[in-house]
Amino acid sequence: MAPGSSAFKEVLEAVADCDIATSKSENNIIPIKGTVSLSGKQGVYSNNGVHELLECPVCTNLMYPPIHQCPNGHTLCSACKLRVHNCCPTCRYDLGNIRCLALEKVAGSLELPCKYQSLGCLDIFPYYSKLKHEQHCRFRPYSCPYAGSECSVTGDIPALVAHLKDDHKVDMHDGCTFNHRYVKSNPHEVENATWMLTVFNCFGRQFCLHFEAFQLGISPVYMAFLRFMGDDSEAKQFSYSLEVGGNGRKLVWQGIPRSIRDSHRKVRDSQDGLVIQRNLALYFSGGDRKELKLRVTGRVWKEE
């Protein structure tokens, strides 16, 4: 394959996303208790230290094609080549556009463990398949579902439940039904940061009930939705309903809770929940338009 080929474009884009996410979250991972791998190739790998040659000397991440080298043979990843302004960080020679095709070929012969091995994933993967697996590995940590700030803490579900309770002071409730009251003295002011979060323990699992006000285009709206603290495949085992009403009328929503693998913003922006326009919300509140008083009730059930 000729230098400059785009055959590895998909892999390169994947590593860029992965490296950024890793650098931001590694220092905020809550320790996860050991779990058991259910499938995949397992065992102890041996590469005689060859994989160390694939570590970029600048960012220390594993390198993926195109791997660059200077005239003296020093290598670095394509992202760092831009950061060092095409100057070799080891010998200061100009890097040019020399590809280290030999090292790229060696990399293709390696098999490495998932980076979440310490969290329970015992699978071994070919070098160029490892990144794709790690982006979807079921053992990867969950992000904190708290929506009130850009919390970077990650961990397993029990650790995040404790984190929400102790650090974010989130209300915790037991039971599969809920009754959520929202009051706002000035209904004409709507801010994106206006929100509430409650965690419910139900069927031995945890669900996050979100309720917030935000601008949808030029119109202020209120929205309630449920997120499941677990993977999407498990979330689909449950359903939930939400209801809000007043003045002899009501609005009902029924759906499947979204996994916390989907960010709070992603779920909100998709409007996958109970969406209440402000005029209707004020009507439910009594119709005097002086104060917003909404009561959202609902329940969770398990599909047979």
C-alpha atoms as a PDB file:
ATOM      1  CA  MET A   1       0.000   0.000   0.000  1.00  0.00           C
ATOM      2  CA  ALA A   2       1.386   3.379  -0.956  1.00  0.00           C
ATOM      3  CA  PRO A   3       2.244   6.052   1.631  1.00  0.00           C
ATOM      4  CA  GLY A   4      -0.623   8.397   2.302  1.00  0.00           C
ATOM      5  CA  SER A   5      -3.278   5.683   1.796  1.00  0.00           C
ATOM      6  CA  SER A   6      -6.614   6.273   3.522  1.00  0.00           C
ATOM      7  CA  ALA A   7      -7.240   2.582   4.253  1.00  0.00           C
ATOM      8  CA  PHE A   8      -6.794   3.152   7.946  1.00  0.00           C
ATOM      9  CA  LYS A   9      -8.918   6.309   8.157  1.00  0.00           C
ATOM     10  CA  GLU A  10     -11.648   4.635  10.186  1.00  0.00           C
ATOM     11  CA  VAL A  11      -9.157   3.253  12.679  1.00  0.00           C
ATOM     12  CA  LEU A  12      -7.424   6.625  12.982  1.00  0.00           C
ATOM     13  CA  GLU A  13     -10.681   8.446  13.662  1.00  0.00           C
ATOM     14  CA  ALA A  14     -11.582   5.876  16.279  1.00  0.00           C
ATOM     15  CA  VAL A  15      -8.298   6.250  18.150  1.00  0.00           C
ATOM     16  CA  ALA A  16      -8.607  10.020  18.123  1.00  0.00           C
ATOM     17  CA  ASP A  17     -11.982   9.845  19.850  1.00  0.00           C
ATOM     18  CA  CYS A  18     -10.832   7.162  22.239  1.00  0.00           C
ATOM     19  CA  ASP A  19      -7.644   8.955  23.258  1.00  0.00           C
ATOM     20  CA  ILE A  20      -9.497  12.164  24.023  1.00  0.00           C
ATOM     21  CA  ALA A  21     -12.057  10.362  26.165  1.00  0.00           C
ATOM     22  CA  THR A  22      -9.343   8.439  28.013  1.00  0.00           C
ATOM     23  CA  SER A  23      -7.251  11.474  28.816  1.00  0.00           C
ATOM     24  CA  LYS A  24     -10.253  13.281  30.294  1.00  0.00           C
ATOM     25  CA  SER A  25     -11.625  10.477  32.446  1.00  0.00           C
ATOM     26  CA  GLU A  26      -8.839   8.150  33.600  1.00  0.00           C
ATOM     27  CA  ASN A  27      -8.099  10.203  36.703  1.00  0.00           C
ATOM     28  CA  ASN A  28     -11.766  10.253  37.745  1.00  0.00           C
ATOM     29  CA  ILE A  29     -12.604   6.546  37.560  1.00  0.00           C
ATOM     30  CA  ILE A  30     -14.222   5.144  40.695  1.00  0.00           C
ATOM     31  CA  PRO A  31     -12.761   1.646  41.353  1.00  0.00           C
ATOM     32  CA  ILE A  32     -15.003  -1.065  39.957  1.00  0.00           C
ATOM     33  CA  LYS A  33     -15.476  -4.399  41.645  1.00  0.00           C
ATOM     34  CA  GLY A  34     -14.330  -7.451  39.735  1.00  0.00           C
ATOM     35  CA  THR A  35     -16.753  -9.071  37.302  1.00  0.00           C
ATOM     36  CA  VAL A  36     -16.679 -12.107  35.037  1.00  0.00           C
ATOM     37  CA  SER A  37     -16.208 -12.096  31.265  1.00  0.00           C
ATOM     38  CA  LEU A  38     -18.896 -14.034  29.418  1.00  0.00           C
ATOM     39  CA  SER A  39     -17.474 -14.484  25.931  1.00  0.00           C
ATOM     40  CA  GLY A  40     -14.582 -13.891  23.562  1.00  0.00           C
ATOM     41  CA  LYS A  41     -11.032 -15.103  23.215  1.00  0.00           C
ATOM     42  CA  GLN A  42      -9.369 -15.277  26.619  1.00  0.00           C
ATOM     43  CA  GLY A  43      -5.940 -15.940  28.027  1.00  0.00           C
ATOM     44  CA  VAL A  44      -2.567 -14.379  28.727  1.00  0.00           C
ATOM     45  CA  TYR A  45      -0.960 -12.605  25.802  1.00  0.00           C
ATOM     46  CA  SER A  46       2.751 -12.330  25.066  1.00  0.00           C
ATOM     47  CA  ASN A  47       4.317  -9.820  22.724  1.00  0.00           C
ATOM     48  CA  ASN A  48       7.903  -9.715  24.058  1.00  0.00           C
ATOM     49  CA  GLY A  49       7.664  -5.972  24.598  1.00  0.00           C
ATOM     50  CA  VAL A  50       7.008  -5.237  20.930  1.00  0.00           C
ATOM     51  CA  HIS A  51       3.893  -3.275  21.846  1.00  0.00           C
ATOM     52  CA  GLU A  52       6.123  -0.837  23.752  1.00  0.00           C
ATOM     53  CA  LEU A  53       7.551   0.240  20.407  1.00  0.00           C
ATOM     54  CA  LEU A  54       4.060   1.294  19.429  1.00  0.00           C
ATOM     55  CA  GLU A  55       3.784   3.821  22.234  1.00  0.00           C
ATOM     56  CA  CYS A  56       4.003   7.382  20.969  1.00  0.00           C
ATOM     57  CA  PRO A  57       6.888   9.155  22.781  1.00  0.00           C
ATOM     58  CA  VAL A  58       4.820  12.351  23.017  1.00  0.00           C
ATOM     59  CA  CYS A  59       1.343  11.293  24.199  1.00  0.00           C
ATOM     60  CA  THR A  60       2.346   7.720  25.282  1.00  0.00           C
ATOM     61  CA  ASN A  61      -0.802   6.329  23.630  1.00  0.00           C
ATOM     62  CA  LEU A  62      -0.584   3.379  21.265  1.00  0.00           C
ATOM     63  CA  MET A  63       0.017   4.461  17.673  1.00  0.00           C
ATOM     64  CA  TYR A  64      -2.238   3.572  14.757  1.00  0.00           C
ATOM     65  CA  PRO A  65      -1.691   4.133  11.025  1.00  0.00           C
ATOM     66  CA  PRO A  66      -0.397   6.320   9.679  1.00  0.00           C
ATOM     67  CA  ILE A  67       2.647   5.970  11.966  1.00  0.00           C
ATOM     68  CA  HIS A  68       5.264   8.592  11.117  1.00  0.00           C
ATOM     69  CA  GLN A  69       9.025   8.490  11.465  1.00  0.00           C
ATOM     70  CA  CYS A  70      11.908  10.930  11.050  1.00  0.00           C
ATOM     71  CA  PRO A  71      15.003  10.217   8.882  1.00  0.00           C
ATOM     72  CA  ASN A  72      16.688   8.768  11.999  1.00  0.00           C
ATOM     73  CA  GLY A  73      13.886   6.271  12.579  1.00  0.00           C
ATOM     74  CA  HIS A  74      12.160   7.901  15.567  1.00  0.00           C
ATOM     75  CA  THR A  75       8.398   7.335  15.434  1.00  0.00           C
ATOM     76  CA  LEU A  76       5.310   9.171  16.665  1.00  0.00           C
ATOM     77  CA  CYS A  77       1.585   9.190  16.025  1.00  0.00           C
ATOM     78  CA  SER A  78      -0.126  11.347  13.425  1.00  0.00           C
ATOM     79  CA  ALA A  79      -1.908  13.502  16.029  1.00  0.00           C
ATOM     80  CA  CYS A  80       1.345  14.386  17.760  1.00  0.00           C
ATOM     81  CA  LYS A  81       3.051  15.049  14.405  1.00  0.00           C
ATOM     82  CA  LEU A  82       0.775  18.079  14.121  1.00  0.00           C
ATOM     83  CA  ARG A  83       1.373  19.091  17.724  1.00  0.00           C
ATOM     84  CA  VAL A  84       5.177  19.182  17.343  1.00  0.00           C
ATOM     85  CA  HIS A  85       4.911  21.158  14.085  1.00  0.00           C
ATOM     86  CA  ASN A  86       6.541  18.426  11.977  1.00  0.00           C
ATOM     87  CA  CYS A  87       9.699  18.446  14.111  1.00  0.00           C
ATOM     88  CA  CYS A  88      10.963  15.162  15.632  1.00  0.00           C
ATOM     89  CA  PRO A  89      10.774  15.535  19.439  1.00  0.00           C
ATOM     90  CA  THR A  90      13.730  13.170  19.853  1.00  0.00           C
ATOM     91  CA  CYS A  91      16.367  14.445  17.419  1.00  0.00           C
ATOM     92  CA  ARG A  92      14.739  17.701  16.207  1.00  0.00           C
ATOM     93  CA  TYR A  93      14.989  16.699  12.516  1.00  0.00           C
ATOM     94  CA  ASP A  94      12.129  17.570  10.176  1.00  0.00           C
ATOM     95  CA  LEU A  95       9.691  14.666  10.031  1.00  0.00           C
ATOM     96  CA  GLY A  96       8.577  15.082   6.443  1.00  0.00           C
ATOM     97  CA  ASN A  97       5.984  12.539   5.314  1.00  0.00           C
ATOM     98  CA  ILE A  98       7.787   9.248   5.951  1.00  0.00           C
ATOM     99  CA  ARG A  99       5.533   6.355   6.971  1.00  0.00           C
ATOM    100  CA  CYS A 100       6.888   3.560   9.158  1.00  0.00           C
ATOM    101  CA  LEU A 101       5.215   0.781   7.197  1.00  0.00           C
ATOM    102  CA  ALA A 102       7.264  -1.934   8.897  1.00  0.00           C
ATOM    103  CA  LEU A 103       5.994  -0.984  12.345  1.00  0.00           C
ATOM    104  CA  GLU A 104       2.443  -0.776  11.035  1.00  0.00           C
ATOM    105  CA  LYS A 105       2.807  -4.324   9.691  1.00  0.00           C
ATOM    106  CA  VAL A 106       4.247  -5.575  12.987  1.00  0.00           C
ATOM    107  CA  ALA A 107       1.309  -4.017  14.812  1.00  0.00           C
ATOM    108  CA  GLY A 108      -1.079  -6.033  12.670  1.00  0.00           C
ATOM    109  CA  SER A 109       0.462  -9.251  14.016  1.00  0.00           C
ATOM    110  CA  LEU A 110      -0.034  -8.376  17.693  1.00  0.00           C
ATOM    111  CA  GLU A 111      -2.813  -9.434  20.022  1.00  0.00           C
ATOM    112  CA  LEU A 112      -3.490  -7.299  23.094  1.00  0.00           C
ATOM    113  CA  PRO A 113      -5.917  -7.394  26.033  1.00  0.00           C
ATOM    114  CA  CYS A 114      -8.796  -4.948  26.379  1.00  0.00           C
ATOM    115  CA  LYS A 115      -7.782  -1.897  28.407  1.00  0.00           C
ATOM    116  CA  TYR A 116     -10.666  -2.738  30.750  1.00  0.00           C
ATOM    117  CA  GLN A 117      -9.005  -6.021  31.698  1.00  0.00           C
ATOM    118  CA  SER A 118      -8.721  -4.924  35.338  1.00  0.00           C
ATOM    119  CA  LEU A 119     -12.478  -4.265  35.362  1.00  0.00           C
ATOM    120  CA  GLY A 120     -13.370  -7.787  34.227  1.00  0.00           C
ATOM    121  CA  CYS A 121     -12.883  -8.033  30.442  1.00  0.00           C
ATOM    122  CA  LEU A 122     -10.584 -10.986  29.780  1.00  0.00           C
ATOM    123  CA  ASP A 123     -10.807 -10.938  25.984  1.00  0.00           C
ATOM    124  CA  ILE A 124      -7.741 -10.655  23.738  1.00  0.00           C
ATOM    125  CA  PHE A 125      -7.957  -8.806  20.412  1.00  0.00           C
ATOM    126  CA  PRO A 126      -5.870  -8.220  17.284  1.00  0.00           C
ATOM    127  CA  TYR A 127      -4.169  -4.841  17.535  1.00  0.00           C
ATOM    128  CA  TYR A 128      -6.341  -3.126  14.933  1.00  0.00           C
ATOM    129  CA  SER A 129      -9.595  -4.537  16.413  1.00  0.00           C
ATOM    130  CA  LYS A 130      -8.861  -3.590  20.016  1.00  0.00           C
ATOM    131  CA  LEU A 131     -10.018   0.025  19.802  1.00  0.00           C
ATOM    132  CA  LYS A 132     -13.351  -0.795  18.201  1.00  0.00           C
ATOM    133  CA  HIS A 133     -14.068  -3.338  20.925  1.00  0.00           C
ATOM    134  CA  GLU A 134     -13.121  -0.934  23.728  1.00  0.00           C
ATOM    135  CA  GLN A 135     -15.574   1.683  22.496  1.00  0.00           C
ATOM    136  CA  HIS A 136     -18.411  -0.787  23.117  1.00  0.00           C
ATOM    137  CA  CYS A 137     -16.947  -3.072  25.799  1.00  0.00           C
ATOM    138  CA  ARG A 138     -19.644  -3.888  28.335  1.00  0.00           C
ATOM    139  CA  PHE A 139     -17.060  -3.599  31.114  1.00  0.00           C
ATOM    140  CA  ARG A 140     -16.199   0.009  30.302  1.00  0.00           C
ATOM    141  CA  PRO A 141     -17.089   2.420  33.130  1.00  0.00           C
ATOM    142  CA  TYR A 142     -20.320   4.391  33.103  1.00  0.00           C
ATOM    143  CA  SER A 143     -20.307   8.186  33.178  1.00  0.00           C
ATOM    144  CA  CYS A 144     -21.965   9.994  36.056  1.00  0.00           C
ATOM    145  CA  PRO A 145     -25.621  10.654  35.040  1.00  0.00           C
ATOM    146  CA  TYR A 146     -25.790  13.886  37.037  1.00  0.00           C
ATOM    147  CA  ALA A 147     -26.957  16.611  34.664  1.00  0.00           C
ATOM    148  CA  GLY A 148     -26.409  19.699  36.787  1.00  0.00           C
ATOM    149  CA  SER A 149     -22.700  20.019  36.033  1.00  0.00           C
ATOM    150  CA  GLU A 150     -20.036  18.571  33.779  1.00  0.00           C
ATOM    151  CA  CYS A 151     -19.142  15.798  36.229  1.00  0.00           C
ATOM    152  CA  SER A 152     -16.291  13.673  34.857  1.00  0.00           C
ATOM    153  CA  VAL A 153     -16.508  10.836  37.398  1.00  0.00           C
ATOM    154  CA  THR A 154     -16.914   7.328  35.974  1.00  0.00           C
ATOM    155  CA  GLY A 155     -17.421   3.951  37.617  1.00  0.00           C
ATOM    156  CA  ASP A 156     -19.688   0.938  37.963  1.00  0.00           C
ATOM    157  CA  ILE A 157     -23.345   1.287  38.972  1.00  0.00           C
ATOM    158  CA  PRO A 158     -22.972   0.748  42.770  1.00  0.00           C
ATOM    159  CA  ALA A 159     -20.105   3.245  42.855  1.00  0.00           C
ATOM    160  CA  LEU A 160     -22.068   5.841  40.859  1.00  0.00           C
ATOM    161  CA  VAL A 161     -25.156   5.424  43.058  1.00  0.00           C
ATOM    162  CA  ALA A 162     -23.007   6.167  46.122  1.00  0.00           C
ATOM    163  CA  HIS A 163     -21.378   9.065  44.261  1.00  0.00           C
ATOM    164  CA  LEU A 164     -24.769  10.598  43.368  1.00  0.00           C
ATOM    165  CA  LYS A 165     -25.963  10.288  46.949  1.00  0.00           C
ATOM    166  CA  ASP A 166     -22.816  11.471  48.731  1.00  0.00           C
ATOM    167  CA  ASP A 167     -21.325  14.011  46.327  1.00  0.00           C
ATOM    168  CA  HIS A 168     -24.346  15.376  44.443  1.00  0.00           C
ATOM    169  CA  LYS A 169     -26.855  14.932  47.289  1.00  0.00           C
ATOM    170  CA  VAL A 170     -29.395  13.370  44.934  1.00  0.00           C
ATOM    171  CA  ASP A 171     -32.653  12.144  46.510  1.00  0.00           C
ATOM    172  CA  MET A 172     -32.941   8.355  46.639  1.00  0.00           C
ATOM    173  CA  HIS A 173     -36.289   6.539  46.776  1.00  0.00           C
ATOM    174  CA  ASP A 174     -37.444   2.915  46.848  1.00  0.00           C
ATOM    175  CA  GLY A 175     -40.411   1.733  44.804  1.00  0.00           C
ATOM    176  CA  CYS A 176     -41.645   1.533  41.235  1.00  0.00           C
ATOM    177  CA  THR A 177     -44.064   4.482  41.371  1.00  0.00           C
ATOM    178  CA  PHE A 178     -43.156   8.132  41.751  1.00  0.00           C
ATOM    179  CA  ASN A 179     -44.773  11.489  42.371  1.00  0.00           C
ATOM    180  CA  HIS A 180     -42.611  14.449  41.345  1.00  0.00           C
ATOM    181  CA  ARG A 181     -43.685  18.039  42.112  1.00  0.00           C
ATOM    182  CA  TYR A 182     -42.198  21.019  40.294  1.00  0.00           C
ATOM    183  CA  VAL A 183     -42.892  24.616  41.338  1.00  0.00           C
ATOM    184  CA  LYS A 184     -41.549  27.777  39.717  1.00  0.00           C
ATOM    185  CA  SER A 185     -42.566  31.216  40.989  1.00  0.00           C
ATOM    186  CA  ASN A 186     -41.827  32.991  37.698  1.00  0.00           C
ATOM    187  CA  PRO A 187     -42.944  30.788  34.790  1.00  0.00           C
ATOM    188  CA  HIS A 188     -41.773  33.371  32.247  1.00  0.00           C
ATOM    189  CA  GLU A 189     -38.108  32.682  33.039  1.00  0.00           C
ATOM    190  CA  VAL A 190     -36.728  29.470  31.588  1.00  0.00           C
ATOM    191  CA  GLU A 191     -33.072  28.534  31.860  1.00  0.00           C
ATOM    192  CA  ASN A 192     -31.297  25.495  30.462  1.00  0.00           C
ATOM    193  CA  ALA A 193     -29.830  24.859  33.912  1.00  0.00           C
ATOM    194  CA  THR A 194     -33.262  24.489  35.541  1.00  0.00           C
ATOM    195  CA  TRP A 195     -33.493  20.780  36.281  1.00  0.00           C
ATOM    196  CA  MET A 196     -34.061  18.129  38.941  1.00  0.00           C
ATOM    197  CA  LEU A 197     -32.858  14.550  39.356  1.00  0.00           C
ATOM    198  CA  THR A 198     -34.171  11.722  41.533  1.00  0.00           C
ATOM    199  CA  VAL A 199     -32.937   8.117  41.687  1.00  0.00           C
ATOM    200  CA  PHE A 200     -35.401   5.245  42.218  1.00  0.00           C
ATOM    201  CA  ASN A 201     -34.552   1.711  43.332  1.00  0.00           C
ATOM    202  CA  CYS A 202     -36.941  -0.615  41.537  1.00  0.00           C
ATOM    203  CA  PHE A 203     -36.743  -4.364  40.717  1.00  0.00           C
ATOM    204  CA  GLY A 204     -33.287  -4.309  42.276  1.00  0.00           C
ATOM    205  CA  ARG A 205     -32.104  -1.754  39.685  1.00  0.00           C
ATOM    206  CA  GLN A 206     -31.730   2.019  39.631  1.00  0.00           C
ATOM    207  CA  PHE A 207     -33.569   4.564  37.459  1.00  0.00           C
ATOM    208  CA  CYS A 208     -32.885   8.290  37.094  1.00  0.00           C
ATOM    209  CA  LEU A 209     -35.921  10.561  36.783  1.00  0.00           C
ATOM    210  CA  HIS A 210     -35.010  13.843  35.086  1.00  0.00           C
ATOM    211  CA  PHE A 211     -37.238  16.917  35.034  1.00  0.00           C
ATOM    212  CA  GLU A 212     -36.144  20.229  33.571  1.00  0.00           C
ATOM    213  CA  ALA A 213     -37.042  23.407  31.751  1.00  0.00           C
ATOM    214  CA  PHE A 214     -35.195  24.538  28.641  1.00  0.00           C
ATOM    215  CA  GLN A 215     -35.566  26.478  25.421  1.00  0.00           C
ATOM    216  CA  LEU A 216     -36.673  24.470  22.392  1.00  0.00           C
ATOM    217  CA  GLY A 217     -36.038  26.920  19.582  1.00  0.00           C
ATOM    218  CA  ILE A 218     -37.781  30.075  20.759  1.00  0.00           C
ATOM    219  CA  SER A 219     -40.339  28.230  22.866  1.00  0.00           C
ATOM    220  CA  PRO A 220     -39.780  27.303  26.527  1.00  0.00           C
ATOM    221  CA  VAL A 221     -40.745  23.730  27.370  1.00  0.00           C
ATOM    222  CA  TYR A 222     -40.672  21.362  30.326  1.00  0.00           C
ATOM    223  CA  MET A 223     -39.593  17.760  29.976  1.00  0.00           C
ATOM    224  CA  ALA A 224     -39.526  14.634  32.143  1.00  0.00           C
ATOM    225  CA  PHE A 225     -37.797  11.390  31.184  1.00  0.00           C
ATOM    226  CA  LEU A 226     -36.331   8.272  32.738  1.00  0.00           C
ATOM    227  CA  ARG A 227     -32.849   6.803  32.318  1.00  0.00           C
ATOM    228  CA  PHE A 228     -31.784   3.297  33.332  1.00  0.00           C
ATOM    229  CA  MET A 229     -28.526   2.803  35.225  1.00  0.00           C
ATOM    230  CA  GLY A 230     -27.197  -0.048  33.087  1.00  0.00           C
ATOM    231  CA  ASP A 231     -26.720  -1.051  29.462  1.00  0.00           C
ATOM    232  CA  ASP A 232     -29.248  -0.555  26.687  1.00  0.00           C
ATOM    233  CA  SER A 233     -29.947  -4.286  26.361  1.00  0.00           C
ATOM    234  CA  GLU A 234     -31.067  -4.361  30.007  1.00  0.00           C
ATOM    235  CA  ALA A 235     -33.021  -1.095  29.736  1.00  0.00           C
ATOM    236  CA  LYS A 236     -35.238  -2.660  27.071  1.00  0.00           C
ATOM    237  CA  GLN A 237     -36.517  -5.126  29.666  1.00  0.00           C
ATOM    238  CA  PHE A 238     -38.432  -2.271  31.323  1.00  0.00           C
ATOM    239  CA  SER A 239     -41.135   0.242  30.397  1.00  0.00           C
ATOM    240  CA  TYR A 240     -42.397   3.334  32.161  1.00  0.00           C
ATOM    241  CA  SER A 241     -45.213   5.854  32.024  1.00  0.00           C
ATOM    242  CA  LEU A 242     -45.382   9.533  33.004  1.00  0.00           C
ATOM    243  CA  GLU A 243     -48.504  11.596  33.563  1.00  0.00           C
ATOM    244  CA  VAL A 244     -49.111  15.293  34.192  1.00  0.00           C
ATOM    245  CA  GLY A 245     -52.439  17.089  34.337  1.00  0.00           C
ATOM    246  CA  GLY A 246     -54.828  19.563  35.881  1.00  0.00           C
ATOM    247  CA  ASN A 247     -58.141  21.315  35.248  1.00  0.00           C
ATOM    248  CA  GLY A 248     -59.726  18.009  34.275  1.00  0.00           C
ATOM    249  CA  ARG A 249     -57.138  17.242  31.592  1.00  0.00           C
ATOM    250  CA  LYS A 250     -53.973  15.174  31.491  1.00  0.00           C
ATOM    251  CA  LEU A 251     -51.018  14.356  29.282  1.00  0.00           C
ATOM    252  CA  VAL A 252     -49.571  10.817  29.304  1.00  0.00           C
ATOM    253  CA  TRP A 253     -46.268   9.436  28.016  1.00  0.00           C
ATOM    254  CA  GLN A 254     -45.213   5.803  27.796  1.00  0.00           C
ATOM    255  CA  GLY A 255     -41.839   4.550  26.667  1.00  0.00           C
ATOM    256  CA  ILE A 256     -38.687   2.569  27.360  1.00  0.00           C
ATOM    257  CA  PRO A 257     -36.063   4.092  29.665  1.00  0.00           C
ATOM    258  CA  ARG A 258     -32.837   5.092  27.950  1.00  0.00           C
ATOM    259  CA  SER A 259     -29.537   3.718  29.214  1.00  0.00           C
ATOM    260  CA  ILE A 260     -27.165   6.150  30.928  1.00  0.00           C
ATOM    261  CA  ARG A 261     -24.752   5.141  28.157  1.00  0.00           C
ATOM    262  CA  ASP A 262     -26.728   7.806  26.267  1.00  0.00           C
ATOM    263  CA  SER A 263     -25.863  11.212  27.676  1.00  0.00           C
ATOM    264  CA  HIS A 264     -28.464  13.336  29.385  1.00  0.00           C
ATOM    265  CA  ARG A 265     -28.196  15.931  26.604  1.00  0.00           C
ATOM    266  CA  LYS A 266     -28.650  13.296  23.885  1.00  0.00           C
ATOM    267  CA  VAL A 267     -31.874  12.032  25.446  1.00  0.00           C
ATOM    268  CA  ARG A 268     -33.181  15.538  26.106  1.00  0.00           C
ATOM    269  CA  ASP A 269     -32.421  16.809  22.614  1.00  0.00           C
ATOM    270  CA  SER A 270     -34.135  13.780  21.062  1.00  0.00           C
ATOM    271  CA  GLN A 271     -37.286  14.695  23.074  1.00  0.00           C
ATOM    272  CA  ASP A 272     -37.624  11.044  24.089  1.00  0.00           C
ATOM    273  CA  GLY A 273     -39.879  11.700  27.066  1.00  0.00           C
ATOM    274  CA  LEU A 274     -42.842  13.689  28.331  1.00  0.00           C
ATOM    275  CA  VAL A 275     -42.603  17.153  26.716  1.00  0.00           C
ATOM    276  CA  ILE A 276     -44.912  19.893  28.028  1.00  0.00           C
ATOM    277  CA  GLN A 277     -45.273  23.218  26.246  1.00  0.00           C
ATOM    278  CA  ARG A 278     -45.295  26.213  28.617  1.00  0.00           C
ATOM    279  CA  ASN A 279     -48.825  27.347  27.786  1.00  0.00           C
ATOM    280  CA  LEU A 280     -50.149  23.857  28.515  1.00  0.00           C
ATOM    281  CA  ALA A 281     -48.007  23.625  31.665  1.00  0.00           C
ATOM    282  CA  LEU A 282     -49.533  26.894  32.917  1.00  0.00           C
ATOM    283  CA  TYR A 283     -53.001  25.583  32.158  1.00  0.00           C
ATOM    284  CA  PHE A 284     -52.269  22.451  34.194  1.00  0.00           C
ATOM    285  CA  SER A 285     -51.093  24.780  36.991  1.00  0.00           C
ATOM    286  CA  GLY A 286     -54.434  26.521  37.282  1.00  0.00           C
ATOM    287  CA  GLY A 287     -54.501  28.859  34.340  1.00  0.00           C
ATOM    288  CA  ASP A 288     -53.710  32.106  36.182  1.00  0.00           C
ATOM    289  CA  ARG A 289     -50.209  32.189  34.602  1.00  0.00           C
ATOM    290  CA  LYS A 290     -48.733  33.537  37.849  1.00  0.00           C
ATOM    291  CA  GLU A 291     -47.039  30.412  39.152  1.00  0.00           C
ATOM    292  CA  LEU A 292     -46.031  27.080  37.673  1.00  0.00           C
ATOM    293  CA  LYS A 293     -47.167  24.057  39.663  1.00  0.00           C
ATOM    294  CA  LEU A 294     -46.721  20.694  37.957  1.00  0.00           C
ATOM    295  CA  ARG A 295     -47.070  17.259  39.463  1.00  0.00           C
ATOM    296  CA  VAL A 296     -45.572  14.443  37.408  1.00  0.00           C
ATOM    297  CA  THR A 297     -46.567  10.927  38.415  1.00  0.00           C
ATOM    298  CA  GLY A 298     -45.466   7.647  36.899  1.00  0.00           C
ATOM    299  CA  ARG A 299     -44.476   4.054  37.320  1.00  0.00           C
ATOM    300  CA  VAL A 300     -41.948   1.509  36.068  1.00  0.00           C
ATOM    301  CA  TRP A 301     -42.747  -2.084  35.165  1.00  0.00           C
ATOM    302  CA  LYS A 302     -40.837  -5.048  33.853  1.00  0.00           C
ATOM    303  CA  GLU A 303     -41.773  -6.513  30.498  1.00  0.00           C
ATOM    304  CA  GLU A 304     -42.521 -10.239  30.523  1.00  0.00           C
END
